[in-house]
Full PDB file with SEQRES, HELIX, SHEET, SSBOND, CRYST1, ORIGX, SCALE, CONECT and MASTER records, all heavy atoms in Angstrom:
SEQRES   1 A   30  GLY SER LEU ALA PHE PRO VAL LEU LEU LEU PRO LEU LEU          
SEQRES   2 A   30  GLY LEU PHE PRO THR ALA VAL LEU ILE GLY SER LEU PRO          
SEQRES   3 A   30  ALA PHE MET VAL                                              
HELIX    1 AA1 ALA A    4  ALA A    4  1                                   1    
HELIX    2 AA2 PHE A    5  LEU A    9  3                                   5    
HELIX    3 AA3 LEU A   10  LEU A   13  1                                   4    
HELIX    4 AA4 LEU A   15  MET A   29  1                                  15    
CRYST1    1.000    1.000    1.000  90.00  90.00  90.00 P 1           1          
ORIGX1      1.000000  0.000000  0.000000        0.00000                         
ORIGX2      0.000000  1.000000  0.000000        0.00000                         
ORIGX3      0.000000  0.000000  1.000000        0.00000                         
SCALE1      1.000000  0.000000  0.000000        0.00000                         
SCALE2      0.000000  1.000000  0.000000        0.00000                         
SCALE3      0.000000  0.000000  1.000000        0.00000                         
ATOM      1  N   GLY A   1     -10.280 -17.144  -9.120  1.00  0.00           N  
ATOM      2  CA  GLY A   1      -8.935 -16.621  -9.316  1.00  0.00           C  
ATOM      3  C   GLY A   1      -8.335 -16.058  -8.046  1.00  0.00           C  
ATOM      4  O   GLY A   1      -7.146 -16.255  -7.752  1.00  0.00           O  
ATOM      5  N   SER A   2      -9.166 -15.354  -7.261  1.00  0.00           N  
ATOM      6  CA  SER A   2      -8.658 -14.726  -6.040  1.00  0.00           C  
ATOM      7  C   SER A   2      -8.265 -15.755  -4.990  1.00  0.00           C  
ATOM      8  O   SER A   2      -7.389 -15.487  -4.154  1.00  0.00           O  
ATOM      9  CB  SER A   2      -9.703 -13.775  -5.465  1.00  0.00           C  
ATOM     10  OG  SER A   2     -10.863 -14.483  -5.050  1.00  0.00           O  
ATOM     11  N   LEU A   3      -8.905 -16.940  -5.012  1.00  0.00           N  
ATOM     12  CA  LEU A   3      -8.563 -17.983  -4.052  1.00  0.00           C  
ATOM     13  C   LEU A   3      -7.472 -18.915  -4.575  1.00  0.00           C  
ATOM     14  O   LEU A   3      -6.588 -19.330  -3.827  1.00  0.00           O  
ATOM     15  CB  LEU A   3      -9.807 -18.803  -3.705  1.00  0.00           C  
ATOM     16  CG  LEU A   3     -10.919 -18.063  -2.953  1.00  0.00           C  
ATOM     17  CD1 LEU A   3     -12.111 -18.979  -2.735  1.00  0.00           C  
ATOM     18  CD2 LEU A   3     -10.415 -17.527  -1.623  1.00  0.00           C  
ATOM     19  N   ALA A   4      -7.546 -19.247  -5.851  1.00  0.00           N  
ATOM     20  CA  ALA A   4      -6.584 -20.190  -6.418  1.00  0.00           C  
ATOM     21  C   ALA A   4      -5.169 -19.631  -6.405  1.00  0.00           C  
ATOM     22  O   ALA A   4      -4.206 -20.377  -6.158  1.00  0.00           O  
ATOM     23  CB  ALA A   4      -6.984 -20.559  -7.848  1.00  0.00           C  
ATOM     24  N   PHE A   5      -5.012 -18.335  -6.638  1.00  0.00           N  
ATOM     25  CA  PHE A   5      -3.665 -17.773  -6.708  1.00  0.00           C  
ATOM     26  C   PHE A   5      -2.914 -17.898  -5.382  1.00  0.00           C  
ATOM     27  O   PHE A   5      -1.824 -18.476  -5.352  1.00  0.00           O  
ATOM     28  CB  PHE A   5      -3.714 -16.304  -7.163  1.00  0.00           C  
ATOM     29  CG  PHE A   5      -2.359 -15.645  -7.135  1.00  0.00           C  
ATOM     30  CD1 PHE A   5      -1.424 -15.917  -8.121  1.00  0.00           C  
ATOM     31  CD2 PHE A   5      -2.013 -14.771  -6.118  1.00  0.00           C  
ATOM     32  CE1 PHE A   5      -0.166 -15.327  -8.095  1.00  0.00           C  
ATOM     33  CE2 PHE A   5      -0.767 -14.176  -6.076  1.00  0.00           C  
ATOM     34  CZ  PHE A   5       0.160 -14.452  -7.073  1.00  0.00           C  
ATOM     35  N   PRO A   6      -3.445 -17.392  -4.257  1.00  0.00           N  
ATOM     36  CA  PRO A   6      -2.659 -17.478  -3.020  1.00  0.00           C  
ATOM     37  C   PRO A   6      -2.651 -18.860  -2.381  1.00  0.00           C  
ATOM     38  O   PRO A   6      -1.681 -19.231  -1.713  1.00  0.00           O  
ATOM     39  CB  PRO A   6      -3.346 -16.457  -2.097  1.00  0.00           C  
ATOM     40  CG  PRO A   6      -4.746 -16.404  -2.562  1.00  0.00           C  
ATOM     41  CD  PRO A   6      -4.693 -16.634  -4.043  1.00  0.00           C  
ATOM     42  N   VAL A   7      -3.733 -19.645  -2.571  1.00  0.00           N  
ATOM     43  CA  VAL A   7      -3.852 -20.917  -1.859  1.00  0.00           C  
ATOM     44  C   VAL A   7      -3.145 -22.048  -2.590  1.00  0.00           C  
ATOM     45  O   VAL A   7      -2.502 -22.908  -1.967  1.00  0.00           O  
ATOM     46  CB  VAL A   7      -5.340 -21.263  -1.635  1.00  0.00           C  
ATOM     47  CG1 VAL A   7      -5.482 -22.646  -1.001  1.00  0.00           C  
ATOM     48  CG2 VAL A   7      -5.999 -20.213  -0.753  1.00  0.00           C  
ATOM     49  N   LEU A   8      -3.247 -22.088  -3.919  1.00  0.00           N  
ATOM     50  CA  LEU A   8      -2.711 -23.207  -4.689  1.00  0.00           C  
ATOM     51  C   LEU A   8      -1.530 -22.823  -5.577  1.00  0.00           C  
ATOM     52  O   LEU A   8      -0.443 -23.389  -5.469  1.00  0.00           O  
ATOM     53  CB  LEU A   8      -3.820 -23.826  -5.546  1.00  0.00           C  
ATOM     54  CG  LEU A   8      -4.976 -24.497  -4.795  1.00  0.00           C  
ATOM     55  CD1 LEU A   8      -6.038 -24.950  -5.785  1.00  0.00           C  
ATOM     56  CD2 LEU A   8      -4.470 -25.671  -3.982  1.00  0.00           C  
ATOM     57  N   LEU A   9      -1.770 -21.861  -6.463  1.00  0.00           N  
ATOM     58  CA  LEU A   9      -0.798 -21.610  -7.523  1.00  0.00           C  
ATOM     59  C   LEU A   9       0.519 -21.054  -6.990  1.00  0.00           C  
ATOM     60  O   LEU A   9       1.608 -21.550  -7.338  1.00  0.00           O  
ATOM     61  CB  LEU A   9      -1.397 -20.645  -8.548  1.00  0.00           C  
ATOM     62  CG  LEU A   9      -2.657 -21.141  -9.263  1.00  0.00           C  
ATOM     63  CD1 LEU A   9      -3.196 -20.078 -10.206  1.00  0.00           C  
ATOM     64  CD2 LEU A   9      -2.358 -22.425 -10.017  1.00  0.00           C  
ATOM     65  N   LEU A  10       0.446 -20.004  -6.161  1.00  0.00           N  
ATOM     66  CA  LEU A  10       1.673 -19.367  -5.684  1.00  0.00           C  
ATOM     67  C   LEU A  10       2.547 -20.306  -4.859  1.00  0.00           C  
ATOM     68  O   LEU A  10       3.741 -20.452  -5.139  1.00  0.00           O  
ATOM     69  CB  LEU A  10       1.333 -18.098  -4.904  1.00  0.00           C  
ATOM     70  CG  LEU A  10       2.530 -17.251  -4.452  1.00  0.00           C  
ATOM     71  CD1 LEU A  10       3.337 -16.791  -5.648  1.00  0.00           C  
ATOM     72  CD2 LEU A  10       2.048 -16.063  -3.632  1.00  0.00           C  
ATOM     73  N   PRO A  11       2.002 -20.993  -3.826  1.00  0.00           N  
ATOM     74  CA  PRO A  11       2.878 -21.870  -3.043  1.00  0.00           C  
ATOM     75  C   PRO A  11       3.348 -23.108  -3.793  1.00  0.00           C  
ATOM     76  O   PRO A  11       4.444 -23.613  -3.523  1.00  0.00           O  
ATOM     77  CB  PRO A  11       2.009 -22.254  -1.836  1.00  0.00           C  
ATOM     78  CG  PRO A  11       0.612 -22.033  -2.265  1.00  0.00           C  
ATOM     79  CD  PRO A  11       0.656 -20.886  -3.236  1.00  0.00           C  
ATOM     80  N   LEU A  12       2.549 -23.624  -4.735  1.00  0.00           N  
ATOM     81  CA  LEU A  12       2.931 -24.848  -5.434  1.00  0.00           C  
ATOM     82  C   LEU A  12       3.848 -24.595  -6.622  1.00  0.00           C  
ATOM     83  O   LEU A  12       4.757 -25.391  -6.890  1.00  0.00           O  
ATOM     84  CB  LEU A  12       1.677 -25.585  -5.914  1.00  0.00           C  
ATOM     85  CG  LEU A  12       0.776 -26.166  -4.813  1.00  0.00           C  
ATOM     86  CD1 LEU A  12      -0.436 -26.844  -5.438  1.00  0.00           C  
ATOM     87  CD2 LEU A  12       1.547 -27.145  -3.943  1.00  0.00           C  
ATOM     88  N   LEU A  13       3.622 -23.497  -7.338  1.00  0.00           N  
ATOM     89  CA  LEU A  13       4.362 -23.262  -8.579  1.00  0.00           C  
ATOM     90  C   LEU A  13       5.358 -22.119  -8.481  1.00  0.00           C  
ATOM     91  O   LEU A  13       6.387 -22.134  -9.163  1.00  0.00           O  
ATOM     92  CB  LEU A  13       3.377 -22.975  -9.724  1.00  0.00           C  
ATOM     93  CG  LEU A  13       2.359 -24.067 -10.046  1.00  0.00           C  
ATOM     94  CD1 LEU A  13       1.442 -23.607 -11.169  1.00  0.00           C  
ATOM     95  CD2 LEU A  13       3.055 -25.368 -10.412  1.00  0.00           C  
ATOM     96  N   GLY A  14       5.061 -21.099  -7.683  1.00  0.00           N  
ATOM     97  CA  GLY A  14       5.882 -19.901  -7.683  1.00  0.00           C  
ATOM     98  C   GLY A  14       5.313 -18.866  -8.635  1.00  0.00           C  
ATOM     99  O   GLY A  14       4.379 -19.136  -9.398  1.00  0.00           O  
ATOM    100  N   LEU A  15       5.888 -17.672  -8.612  1.00  0.00           N  
ATOM    101  CA  LEU A  15       5.325 -16.548  -9.360  1.00  0.00           C  
ATOM    102  C   LEU A  15       5.313 -16.775 -10.862  1.00  0.00           C  
ATOM    103  O   LEU A  15       4.265 -16.692 -11.513  1.00  0.00           O  
ATOM    104  CB  LEU A  15       6.108 -15.276  -9.032  1.00  0.00           C  
ATOM    105  CG  LEU A  15       5.688 -14.501  -7.793  1.00  0.00           C  
ATOM    106  CD1 LEU A  15       6.662 -13.356  -7.531  1.00  0.00           C  
ATOM    107  CD2 LEU A  15       4.274 -13.955  -7.950  1.00  0.00           C  
ATOM    108  N   PHE A  16       6.467 -17.023 -11.441  1.00  0.00           N  
ATOM    109  CA  PHE A  16       6.550 -17.017 -12.900  1.00  0.00           C  
ATOM    110  C   PHE A  16       5.944 -18.258 -13.553  1.00  0.00           C  
ATOM    111  O   PHE A  16       5.288 -18.141 -14.596  1.00  0.00           O  
ATOM    112  CB  PHE A  16       7.989 -16.787 -13.339  1.00  0.00           C  
ATOM    113  CG  PHE A  16       8.524 -15.457 -12.881  1.00  0.00           C  
ATOM    114  CD1 PHE A  16       9.638 -15.377 -12.067  1.00  0.00           C  
ATOM    115  CD2 PHE A  16       7.883 -14.283 -13.225  1.00  0.00           C  
ATOM    116  CE1 PHE A  16      10.111 -14.155 -11.623  1.00  0.00           C  
ATOM    117  CE2 PHE A  16       8.343 -13.052 -12.790  1.00  0.00           C  
ATOM    118  CZ  PHE A  16       9.471 -12.992 -11.985  1.00  0.00           C  
ATOM    119  N   PRO A  17       6.114 -19.458 -13.005  1.00  0.00           N  
ATOM    120  CA  PRO A  17       5.349 -20.583 -13.566  1.00  0.00           C  
ATOM    121  C   PRO A  17       3.843 -20.370 -13.464  1.00  0.00           C  
ATOM    122  O   PRO A  17       3.099 -20.784 -14.350  1.00  0.00           O  
ATOM    123  CB  PRO A  17       5.812 -21.770 -12.702  1.00  0.00           C  
ATOM    124  CG  PRO A  17       7.174 -21.400 -12.239  1.00  0.00           C  
ATOM    125  CD  PRO A  17       7.110 -19.913 -12.017  1.00  0.00           C  
ATOM    126  N   THR A  18       3.395 -19.701 -12.389  1.00  0.00           N  
ATOM    127  CA  THR A  18       1.971 -19.379 -12.285  1.00  0.00           C  
ATOM    128  C   THR A  18       1.544 -18.445 -13.403  1.00  0.00           C  
ATOM    129  O   THR A  18       0.466 -18.600 -13.987  1.00  0.00           O  
ATOM    130  CB  THR A  18       1.670 -18.724 -10.919  1.00  0.00           C  
ATOM    131  OG1 THR A  18       1.898 -19.691  -9.889  1.00  0.00           O  
ATOM    132  CG2 THR A  18       0.237 -18.234 -10.847  1.00  0.00           C  
ATOM    133  N   ALA A  19       2.383 -17.452 -13.712  1.00  0.00           N  
ATOM    134  CA  ALA A  19       2.066 -16.521 -14.798  1.00  0.00           C  
ATOM    135  C   ALA A  19       1.904 -17.272 -16.115  1.00  0.00           C  
ATOM    136  O   ALA A  19       0.992 -16.985 -16.903  1.00  0.00           O  
ATOM    137  CB  ALA A  19       3.157 -15.460 -14.911  1.00  0.00           C  
ATOM    138  N   VAL A  20       2.783 -18.237 -16.361  1.00  0.00           N  
ATOM    139  CA  VAL A  20       2.701 -19.015 -17.606  1.00  0.00           C  
ATOM    140  C   VAL A  20       1.446 -19.878 -17.619  1.00  0.00           C  
ATOM    141  O   VAL A  20       0.754 -19.982 -18.633  1.00  0.00           O  
ATOM    142  CB  VAL A  20       3.958 -19.890 -17.774  1.00  0.00           C  
ATOM    143  CG1 VAL A  20       3.825 -20.785 -19.001  1.00  0.00           C  
ATOM    144  CG2 VAL A  20       5.194 -19.005 -17.904  1.00  0.00           C  
ATOM    145  N   LEU A  21       1.133 -20.485 -16.474  1.00  0.00           N  
ATOM    146  CA  LEU A  21      -0.042 -21.351 -16.412  1.00  0.00           C  
ATOM    147  C   LEU A  21      -1.322 -20.572 -16.660  1.00  0.00           C  
ATOM    148  O   LEU A  21      -2.150 -20.976 -17.488  1.00  0.00           O  
ATOM    149  CB  LEU A  21      -0.114 -22.040 -15.048  1.00  0.00           C  
ATOM    150  CG  LEU A  21      -1.382 -22.874 -14.810  1.00  0.00           C  
ATOM    151  CD1 LEU A  21      -1.454 -24.032 -15.801  1.00  0.00           C  
ATOM    152  CD2 LEU A  21      -1.444 -23.389 -13.382  1.00  0.00           C  
ATOM    153  N   ILE A  22      -1.496 -19.458 -15.947  1.00  0.00           N  
ATOM    154  CA  ILE A  22      -2.736 -18.701 -16.147  1.00  0.00           C  
ATOM    155  C   ILE A  22      -2.775 -18.065 -17.531  1.00  0.00           C  
ATOM    156  O   ILE A  22      -3.846 -17.842 -18.094  1.00  0.00           O  
ATOM    157  CB  ILE A  22      -2.945 -17.651 -15.046  1.00  0.00           C  
ATOM    158  CG1 ILE A  22      -1.845 -16.585 -15.074  1.00  0.00           C  
ATOM    159  CG2 ILE A  22      -3.023 -18.298 -13.681  1.00  0.00           C  
ATOM    160  CD1 ILE A  22      -2.044 -15.477 -14.039  1.00  0.00           C  
ATOM    161  N   GLY A  23      -1.597 -17.806 -18.116  1.00  0.00           N  
ATOM    162  CA  GLY A  23      -1.563 -17.296 -19.486  1.00  0.00           C  
ATOM    163  C   GLY A  23      -2.005 -18.321 -20.502  1.00  0.00           C  
ATOM    164  O   GLY A  23      -2.568 -17.969 -21.551  1.00  0.00           O  
ATOM    165  N   SER A  24      -1.785 -19.593 -20.206  1.00  0.00           N  
ATOM    166  CA  SER A  24      -2.164 -20.634 -21.173  1.00  0.00           C  
ATOM    167  C   SER A  24      -3.680 -20.851 -21.218  1.00  0.00           C  
ATOM    168  O   SER A  24      -4.206 -21.341 -22.226  1.00  0.00           O  
ATOM    169  CB  SER A  24      -1.473 -21.955 -20.817  1.00  0.00           C  
ATOM    170  OG  SER A  24      -1.971 -22.481 -19.603  1.00  0.00           O  
ATOM    171  N   LEU A  25      -4.381 -20.474 -20.144  1.00  0.00           N  
ATOM    172  CA  LEU A  25      -5.828 -20.732 -20.099  1.00  0.00           C  
ATOM    173  C   LEU A  25      -6.599 -20.008 -21.201  1.00  0.00           C  
ATOM    174  O   LEU A  25      -7.452 -20.625 -21.858  1.00  0.00           O  
ATOM    175  CB  LEU A  25      -6.375 -20.362 -18.719  1.00  0.00           C  
ATOM    176  CG  LEU A  25      -5.874 -21.210 -17.546  1.00  0.00           C  
ATOM    177  CD1 LEU A  25      -6.489 -20.728 -16.246  1.00  0.00           C  
ATOM    178  CD2 LEU A  25      -6.188 -22.691 -17.772  1.00  0.00           C  
ATOM    179  N   PRO A  26      -6.381 -18.709 -21.445  1.00  0.00           N  
ATOM    180  CA  PRO A  26      -7.098 -18.069 -22.558  1.00  0.00           C  
ATOM    181  C   PRO A  26      -6.796 -18.708 -23.909  1.00  0.00           C  
ATOM    182  O   PRO A  26      -7.673 -18.784 -24.776  1.00  0.00           O  
ATOM    183  CB  PRO A  26      -6.602 -16.609 -22.509  1.00  0.00           C  
ATOM    184  CG  PRO A  26      -6.122 -16.411 -21.115  1.00  0.00           C  
ATOM    185  CD  PRO A  26      -5.564 -17.729 -20.701  1.00  0.00           C  
ATOM    186  N   ALA A  27      -5.548 -19.178 -24.079  1.00  0.00           N  
ATOM    187  CA  ALA A  27      -5.195 -19.807 -25.353  1.00  0.00           C  
ATOM    188  C   ALA A  27      -5.979 -21.096 -25.560  1.00  0.00           C  
ATOM    189  O   ALA A  27      -6.524 -21.351 -26.649  1.00  0.00           O  
ATOM    190  CB  ALA A  27      -3.694 -20.079 -25.400  1.00  0.00           C  
ATOM    191  N   PHE A  28      -6.050 -21.929 -24.534  1.00  0.00           N  
ATOM    192  CA  PHE A  28      -6.817 -23.171 -24.664  1.00  0.00           C  
ATOM    193  C   PHE A  28      -8.307 -22.893 -24.799  1.00  0.00           C  
ATOM    194  O   PHE A  28      -9.040 -23.661 -25.435  1.00  0.00           O  
ATOM    195  CB  PHE A  28      -6.540 -24.077 -23.467  1.00  0.00           C  
ATOM    196  CG  PHE A  28      -5.168 -24.713 -23.506  1.00  0.00           C  
ATOM    197  CD1 PHE A  28      -4.274 -24.531 -22.465  1.00  0.00           C  
ATOM    198  CD2 PHE A  28      -4.781 -25.484 -24.591  1.00  0.00           C  
ATOM    199  CE1 PHE A  28      -3.013 -25.116 -22.499  1.00  0.00           C  
ATOM    200  CE2 PHE A  28      -3.514 -26.074 -24.642  1.00  0.00           C  
ATOM    201  CZ  PHE A  28      -2.631 -25.893 -23.594  1.00  0.00           C  
ATOM    202  N   MET A  29      -8.760 -21.791 -24.214  1.00  0.00           N  
ATOM    203  CA  MET A  29     -10.159 -21.413 -24.378  1.00  0.00           C  
ATOM    204  C   MET A  29     -10.436 -21.042 -25.838  1.00  0.00           C  
ATOM    205  O   MET A  29     -11.494 -21.388 -26.389  1.00  0.00           O  
ATOM    206  CB  MET A  29     -10.495 -20.247 -23.460  1.00  0.00           C  
ATOM    207  CG  MET A  29     -11.953 -19.816 -23.506  1.00  0.00           C  
ATOM    208  SD  MET A  29     -12.299 -18.600 -22.238  1.00  0.00           S  
ATOM    209  CE  MET A  29     -11.224 -17.259 -22.772  1.00  0.00           C  
ATOM    210  N   VAL A  30      -9.507 -20.363 -26.475  1.00  0.00           N  
ATOM    211  CA  VAL A  30      -9.652 -20.047 -27.898  1.00  0.00           C  
ATOM    212  C   VAL A  30      -9.724 -21.333 -28.722  1.00  0.00           C  
ATOM    213  O   VAL A  30     -10.516 -21.451 -29.666  1.00  0.00           O  
ATOM    214  CB  VAL A  30      -8.476 -19.164 -28.366  1.00  0.00           C  
ATOM    215  CG1 VAL A  30      -8.462 -19.046 -29.891  1.00  0.00           C  
ATOM    216  CG2 VAL A  30      -8.563 -17.783 -27.741  1.00  0.00           C  
TER     217      VAL A  30                                                      
MASTER        0    0    0    4    0    0    0    6  216    1    0    3          
END                                                                             
């Protein structure tokens, strides 16, 4: 998480799409 956020997610998606993406992970895990 500490590497993916600054290296991939933030520059590729931006703040709020990143928030939605990481939010979907617990749901799919359920």
